[in-house]
């Protein structure tokens, strides 16, 4: 194998390393904890989207009738 072929083969790994390093750098930011909370809420609600939407509409309708 020539050097150019080896360098080309390493490009995906370098891109993954760059993405990892960017994520590590962002984990030290002030908003990292807020982002983690938002991701946890999204991970919980996304599979239950229809149920969440239905419950939200029922709550809003109930609040509108109470007024």
N, C-alpha and C. Protein backbone atom coordinates (compact mmCIF):
# COMPACT_ATOMS: atom_id res chain seq x y z
N UNK A 1 0.84 -1.19 0.00
CA UNK A 1 0.00 0.00 0.00
C UNK A 1 0.87 1.25 0.00
N UNK A 2 0.42 2.22 -0.71
CA UNK A 2 1.18 3.46 -0.71
C UNK A 2 0.66 4.40 0.39
N UNK A 3 1.38 5.44 0.62
CA UNK A 3 1.05 6.36 1.71
C UNK A 3 -0.26 7.08 1.46
N UNK A 4 -0.55 7.41 0.23
CA UNK A 4 -1.80 8.11 -0.09
C UNK A 4 -2.99 7.23 0.23
N UNK A 5 -2.88 5.95 -0.05
CA UNK A 5 -3.98 5.02 0.24
C UNK A 5 -4.20 4.93 1.75
N UNK A 6 -3.14 4.87 2.53
CA UNK A 6 -3.27 4.80 3.99
C UNK A 6 -3.89 6.08 4.55
N UNK A 7 -3.49 7.22 4.02
CA UNK A 7 -4.05 8.50 4.48
C UNK A 7 -5.53 8.57 4.15
N UNK A 8 -5.92 8.09 2.97
CA UNK A 8 -7.33 8.11 2.58
C UNK A 8 -8.14 7.18 3.47
N UNK A 9 -7.58 6.04 3.85
CA UNK A 9 -8.28 5.08 4.70
C UNK A 9 -8.46 5.63 6.11
N UNK A 10 -7.60 6.53 6.55
CA UNK A 10 -7.68 7.07 7.90
C UNK A 10 -8.65 8.23 8.01
N UNK A 11 -9.16 8.75 6.89
CA UNK A 11 -10.05 9.91 6.94
C UNK A 11 -11.31 9.68 7.77
N UNK A 12 -12.02 8.56 7.64
CA UNK A 12 -13.21 8.38 8.48
C UNK A 12 -12.88 8.35 9.97
N UNK A 13 -11.76 7.73 10.34
CA UNK A 13 -11.37 7.69 11.73
C UNK A 13 -11.03 9.09 12.25
N UNK A 14 -10.38 9.87 11.39
CA UNK A 14 -10.05 11.24 11.79
C UNK A 14 -11.31 12.08 11.97
N UNK A 15 -12.30 11.86 11.13
CA UNK A 15 -13.56 12.59 11.26
C UNK A 15 -14.27 12.19 12.55
N UNK A 16 -14.24 10.91 12.87
CA UNK A 16 -14.84 10.46 14.12
C UNK A 16 -14.11 11.03 15.33
N UNK A 17 -12.79 11.09 15.25
CA UNK A 17 -12.00 11.66 16.34
C UNK A 17 -12.31 13.14 16.50
N UNK A 18 -12.43 13.85 15.37
CA UNK A 18 -12.76 15.28 15.43
C UNK A 18 -14.12 15.49 16.08
N UNK A 19 -15.12 14.69 15.69
CA UNK A 19 -16.46 14.80 16.28
C UNK A 19 -16.42 14.51 17.78
N UNK A 20 -15.65 13.51 18.17
CA UNK A 20 -15.53 13.16 19.58
C UNK A 20 -14.89 14.31 20.36
N UNK A 21 -13.85 14.89 19.80
CA UNK A 21 -13.17 15.99 20.49
C UNK A 21 -14.09 17.21 20.61
N UNK A 22 -14.89 17.47 19.60
CA UNK A 22 -15.84 18.58 19.68
C UNK A 22 -16.89 18.34 20.75
N UNK A 23 -17.36 17.08 20.86
CA UNK A 23 -18.33 16.75 21.91
C UNK A 23 -17.70 16.89 23.29
N UNK A 24 -16.45 16.47 23.42
CA UNK A 24 -15.76 16.61 24.70
C UNK A 24 -15.60 18.08 25.08
N UNK A 25 -15.28 18.90 24.11
CA UNK A 25 -15.13 20.34 24.38
C UNK A 25 -16.47 20.95 24.76
N UNK A 26 -17.53 20.51 24.12
CA UNK A 26 -18.84 21.09 24.44
C UNK A 26 -19.35 20.60 25.78
N UNK A 27 -18.83 19.47 26.28
CA UNK A 27 -19.28 18.97 27.57
C UNK A 27 -18.76 19.83 28.71
N UNK A 28 -17.83 20.69 28.43
CA UNK A 28 -17.33 21.60 29.46
C UNK A 28 -18.05 22.95 29.43
N UNK A 29 -18.98 23.11 28.55
CA UNK A 29 -19.67 24.39 28.45
C UNK A 29 -20.71 24.53 29.55
N UNK A 30 -21.18 25.75 29.76
CA UNK A 30 -22.17 26.02 30.82
C UNK A 30 -23.52 25.40 30.53
N UNK A 31 -23.85 25.25 29.27
CA UNK A 31 -25.17 24.74 28.92
C UNK A 31 -25.20 23.22 28.77
N UNK A 32 -24.10 22.55 29.08
CA UNK A 32 -24.04 21.10 28.90
C UNK A 32 -25.08 20.39 29.76
N UNK A 33 -25.23 20.80 31.02
CA UNK A 33 -26.21 20.14 31.89
C UNK A 33 -27.62 20.34 31.36
N UNK A 34 -27.93 21.55 30.90
CA UNK A 34 -29.24 21.81 30.32
C UNK A 34 -29.47 20.96 29.07
N UNK A 35 -28.44 20.80 28.26
CA UNK A 35 -28.55 19.96 27.07
C UNK A 35 -28.80 18.51 27.46
N UNK A 36 -28.13 18.03 28.51
CA UNK A 36 -28.33 16.65 28.96
C UNK A 36 -29.76 16.43 29.44
N UNK A 37 -30.30 17.41 30.17
CA UNK A 37 -31.68 17.31 30.64
C UNK A 37 -32.64 17.30 29.45
N UNK A 38 -32.41 18.18 28.50
CA UNK A 38 -33.28 18.23 27.31
C UNK A 38 -33.21 16.93 26.52
N UNK A 39 -32.03 16.34 26.39
CA UNK A 39 -31.91 15.07 25.68
C UNK A 39 -32.61 13.95 26.43
N UNK A 40 -32.54 13.97 27.77
CA UNK A 40 -33.22 12.93 28.56
C UNK A 40 -34.73 13.05 28.42
N UNK A 41 -35.24 14.27 28.45
CA UNK A 41 -36.68 14.49 28.27
C UNK A 41 -37.11 14.05 26.86
N UNK A 42 -36.31 14.41 25.87
CA UNK A 42 -36.63 14.02 24.50
C UNK A 42 -36.61 12.50 24.34
N UNK A 43 -35.62 11.85 24.95
CA UNK A 43 -35.54 10.39 24.86
C UNK A 43 -36.73 9.73 25.54
N UNK A 44 -37.25 10.35 26.57
CA UNK A 44 -38.42 9.80 27.26
C UNK A 44 -39.71 10.04 26.47
N UNK A 45 -39.86 11.26 25.94
CA UNK A 45 -41.11 11.64 25.29
C UNK A 45 -41.22 11.20 23.83
N UNK A 46 -40.12 11.10 23.12
CA UNK A 46 -40.19 10.80 21.68
C UNK A 46 -40.92 9.50 21.38
N UNK A 47 -40.66 8.40 22.09
CA UNK A 47 -41.41 7.18 21.78
C UNK A 47 -42.88 7.27 22.18
N UNK A 48 -43.20 8.21 23.02
CA UNK A 48 -44.56 8.37 23.52
C UNK A 48 -45.21 9.63 22.96
N UNK A 49 -44.84 10.02 21.75
CA UNK A 49 -45.27 11.30 21.20
C UNK A 49 -46.79 11.41 21.10
N UNK A 50 -47.45 10.41 20.59
CA UNK A 50 -48.90 10.47 20.41
C UNK A 50 -49.59 10.56 21.77
N UNK A 51 -49.15 9.77 22.73
CA UNK A 51 -49.74 9.81 24.06
C UNK A 51 -49.49 11.17 24.71
N UNK A 52 -48.28 11.69 24.58
CA UNK A 52 -47.96 13.00 25.14
C UNK A 52 -48.81 14.09 24.51
N UNK A 53 -48.96 14.04 23.21
CA UNK A 53 -49.78 15.03 22.51
C UNK A 53 -51.24 14.93 22.95
N UNK A 54 -51.75 13.73 23.08
CA UNK A 54 -53.14 13.53 23.51
C UNK A 54 -53.35 14.06 24.92
N UNK A 55 -52.45 13.73 25.83
CA UNK A 55 -52.58 14.21 27.21
C UNK A 55 -52.47 15.73 27.29
N UNK A 56 -51.59 16.30 26.49
CA UNK A 56 -51.46 17.76 26.46
C UNK A 56 -52.75 18.41 25.97
N UNK A 57 -53.35 17.86 24.92
CA UNK A 57 -54.61 18.41 24.42
C UNK A 57 -55.74 18.26 25.43
N UNK A 58 -55.78 17.15 26.15
CA UNK A 58 -56.80 16.94 27.18
C UNK A 58 -56.63 17.95 28.30
N UNK A 59 -55.41 18.18 28.72
CA UNK A 59 -55.14 19.16 29.79
C UNK A 59 -55.52 20.55 29.36
N UNK A 60 -55.13 20.93 28.13
CA UNK A 60 -55.48 22.27 27.63
C UNK A 60 -56.98 22.42 27.49
N UNK A 61 -57.66 21.40 26.99
CA UNK A 61 -59.12 21.46 26.85
C UNK A 61 -59.79 21.55 28.23
N UNK A 62 -59.28 20.79 29.19
CA UNK A 62 -59.83 20.86 30.54
C UNK A 62 -59.62 22.22 31.17
N UNK A 63 -58.47 22.81 30.95
CA UNK A 63 -58.20 24.16 31.48
C UNK A 63 -59.10 25.18 30.80
N UNK A 64 -59.35 25.02 29.51
CA UNK A 64 -60.21 25.97 28.79
C UNK A 64 -61.64 25.87 29.27
N UNK A 65 -62.12 24.66 29.61
CA UNK A 65 -63.48 24.49 30.11
C UNK A 65 -63.62 25.03 31.53
N UNK A 66 -62.54 24.98 32.30
CA UNK A 66 -62.59 25.46 33.68
C UNK A 66 -62.68 26.97 33.74
N UNK A 67 -62.27 27.64 32.71
CA UNK A 67 -62.32 29.10 32.72
C UNK A 67 -63.67 29.59 32.39
